[in-house]
Amino acid sequence: MDAEPAAMAVVALEAEISDEQRQALADARERRLEVVETLHRHSFWATVEPSDRIKVQTALRKAARAGDQTPPAA
């Protein structure tokens, strides 16, 4: 893979990326979208009251960052 663009070029909006890097970015974005869709369509969310979704999403995000494998209480 090509070297990453220089930080100063990125800040100045002058950075160019190779076709390989552009494809890798597109692939990563596609994979991220698949993961987000899978997460939001999971049957777990049917057990969560709509009014509690933000609270549960926040708890889930916090647990994921901490490496906790226990799902948050709905």
C-alpha atoms as a PDB file:
ATOM      1  CA  MET A   1       0.000   0.000   0.000  1.00  0.00           C
ATOM      2  CA  ASP A   2       1.194   3.540  -0.689  1.00  0.00           C
ATOM      3  CA  ALA A   3       2.447   5.787   2.062  1.00  0.00           C
ATOM      4  CA  GLU A   4      -0.080   8.003   3.762  1.00  0.00           C
ATOM      5  CA  PRO A   5      -0.196  11.636   2.648  1.00  0.00           C
ATOM      6  CA  ALA A   6       1.799  14.151   4.677  1.00  0.00           C
ATOM      7  CA  ALA A   7      -0.099  15.687   7.592  1.00  0.00           C
ATOM      8  CA  MET A   8       0.501  19.232   6.351  1.00  0.00           C
ATOM      9  CA  ALA A   9      -0.928  18.323   2.925  1.00  0.00           C
ATOM     10  CA  VAL A  10      -4.029  16.942   4.607  1.00  0.00           C
ATOM     11  CA  VAL A  11      -4.486  20.085   6.706  1.00  0.00           C
ATOM     12  CA  ALA A  12      -4.023  22.280   3.633  1.00  0.00           C
ATOM     13  CA  LEU A  13      -6.570  20.155   1.710  1.00  0.00           C
ATOM     14  CA  GLU A  14      -3.847  19.359  -0.826  1.00  0.00           C
ATOM     15  CA  ALA A  15      -3.402  15.679  -0.053  1.00  0.00           C
ATOM     16  CA  GLU A  16      -3.837  13.176  -2.825  1.00  0.00           C
ATOM     17  CA  ILE A  17      -4.435   9.501  -2.341  1.00  0.00           C
ATOM     18  CA  SER A  18      -3.751   6.657  -4.695  1.00  0.00           C
ATOM     19  CA  ASP A  19      -6.422   4.573  -6.383  1.00  0.00           C
ATOM     20  CA  GLU A  20      -5.499   1.740  -4.014  1.00  0.00           C
ATOM     21  CA  GLN A  21      -6.046   3.989  -0.983  1.00  0.00           C
ATOM     22  CA  ARG A  22      -9.291   5.311  -2.449  1.00  0.00           C
ATOM     23  CA  GLN A  23     -10.522   1.721  -2.921  1.00  0.00           C
ATOM     24  CA  ALA A  24      -9.454   0.763   0.602  1.00  0.00           C
ATOM     25  CA  LEU A  25     -11.415   3.732   1.953  1.00  0.00           C
ATOM     26  CA  ALA A  26     -14.494   2.773  -0.069  1.00  0.00           C
ATOM     27  CA  ASP A  27     -14.205  -0.832   1.174  1.00  0.00           C
ATOM     28  CA  ALA A  28     -13.874   0.319   4.796  1.00  0.00           C
ATOM     29  CA  ARG A  29     -16.901   2.597   4.473  1.00  0.00           C
ATOM     30  CA  GLU A  30     -18.954  -0.209   2.930  1.00  0.00           C
ATOM     31  CA  ARG A  31     -17.958  -2.596   5.736  1.00  0.00           C
ATOM     32  CA  ARG A  32     -18.790   0.050   8.377  1.00  0.00           C
ATOM     33  CA  LEU A  33     -22.244   0.509   6.845  1.00  0.00           C
ATOM     34  CA  GLU A  34     -22.816  -3.274   6.905  1.00  0.00           C
ATOM     35  CA  VAL A  35     -21.835  -3.434  10.580  1.00  0.00           C
ATOM     36  CA  VAL A  36     -24.056  -0.477  11.525  1.00  0.00           C
ATOM     37  CA  GLU A  37     -27.026  -1.959   9.668  1.00  0.00           C
ATOM     38  CA  THR A  38     -26.475  -5.348  11.316  1.00  0.00           C
ATOM     39  CA  LEU A  39     -26.267  -3.740  14.743  1.00  0.00           C
ATOM     40  CA  HIS A  40     -29.397  -1.634  14.332  1.00  0.00           C
ATOM     41  CA  ARG A  41     -31.443  -4.516  12.902  1.00  0.00           C
ATOM     42  CA  HIS A  42     -30.487  -6.962  15.653  1.00  0.00           C
ATOM     43  CA  SER A  43     -33.403  -8.568  17.495  1.00  0.00           C
ATOM     44  CA  PHE A  44     -32.063  -7.128  20.769  1.00  0.00           C
ATOM     45  CA  TRP A  45     -33.551  -3.746  19.838  1.00  0.00           C
ATOM     46  CA  ALA A  46     -37.076  -5.215  19.836  1.00  0.00           C
ATOM     47  CA  THR A  47     -36.642  -5.706  23.587  1.00  0.00           C
ATOM     48  CA  VAL A  48     -35.788  -2.053  24.209  1.00  0.00           C
ATOM     49  CA  GLU A  49     -38.481   0.528  24.783  1.00  0.00           C
ATOM     50  CA  PRO A  50     -38.198   3.333  22.205  1.00  0.00           C
ATOM     51  CA  SER A  51     -37.876   5.868  25.018  1.00  0.00           C
ATOM     52  CA  ASP A  52     -34.825   3.972  26.347  1.00  0.00           C
ATOM     53  CA  ARG A  53     -32.938   3.557  23.061  1.00  0.00           C
ATOM     54  CA  ILE A  54     -30.515   6.440  23.520  1.00  0.00           C
ATOM     55  CA  LYS A  55     -29.717   5.370  27.089  1.00  0.00           C
ATOM     56  CA  VAL A  56     -29.148   1.759  25.983  1.00  0.00           C
ATOM     57  CA  GLN A  57     -27.086   2.800  22.941  1.00  0.00           C
ATOM     58  CA  THR A  58     -24.891   4.906  25.193  1.00  0.00           C
ATOM     59  CA  ALA A  59     -24.464   2.035  27.653  1.00  0.00           C
ATOM     60  CA  LEU A  60     -23.677  -0.360  24.808  1.00  0.00           C
ATOM     61  CA  ARG A  61     -21.077   2.025  23.359  1.00  0.00           C
ATOM     62  CA  LYS A  62     -19.478   2.486  26.787  1.00  0.00           C
ATOM     63  CA  ALA A  63     -19.392  -1.268  27.392  1.00  0.00           C
ATOM     64  CA  ALA A  64     -17.855  -1.879  23.958  1.00  0.00           C
ATOM     65  CA  ARG A  65     -15.081   0.610  24.659  1.00  0.00           C
ATOM     66  CA  ALA A  66     -14.411  -1.071  27.984  1.00  0.00           C
ATOM     67  CA  GLY A  67     -14.388  -4.545  26.442  1.00  0.00           C
ATOM     68  CA  ASP A  68     -17.412  -5.658  28.467  1.00  0.00           C
ATOM     69  CA  GLN A  69     -19.279  -8.580  26.876  1.00  0.00           C
ATOM     70  CA  THR A  70     -22.406  -8.256  29.071  1.00  0.00           C
ATOM     71  CA  PRO A  71     -25.313  -6.630  27.189  1.00  0.00           C
ATOM     72  CA  PRO A  72     -26.833  -3.579  28.870  1.00  0.00           C
ATOM     73  CA  ALA A  73     -30.136  -3.993  30.674  1.00  0.00           C
ATOM     74  CA  ALA A  74     -33.091  -2.936  28.549  1.00  0.00           C
END
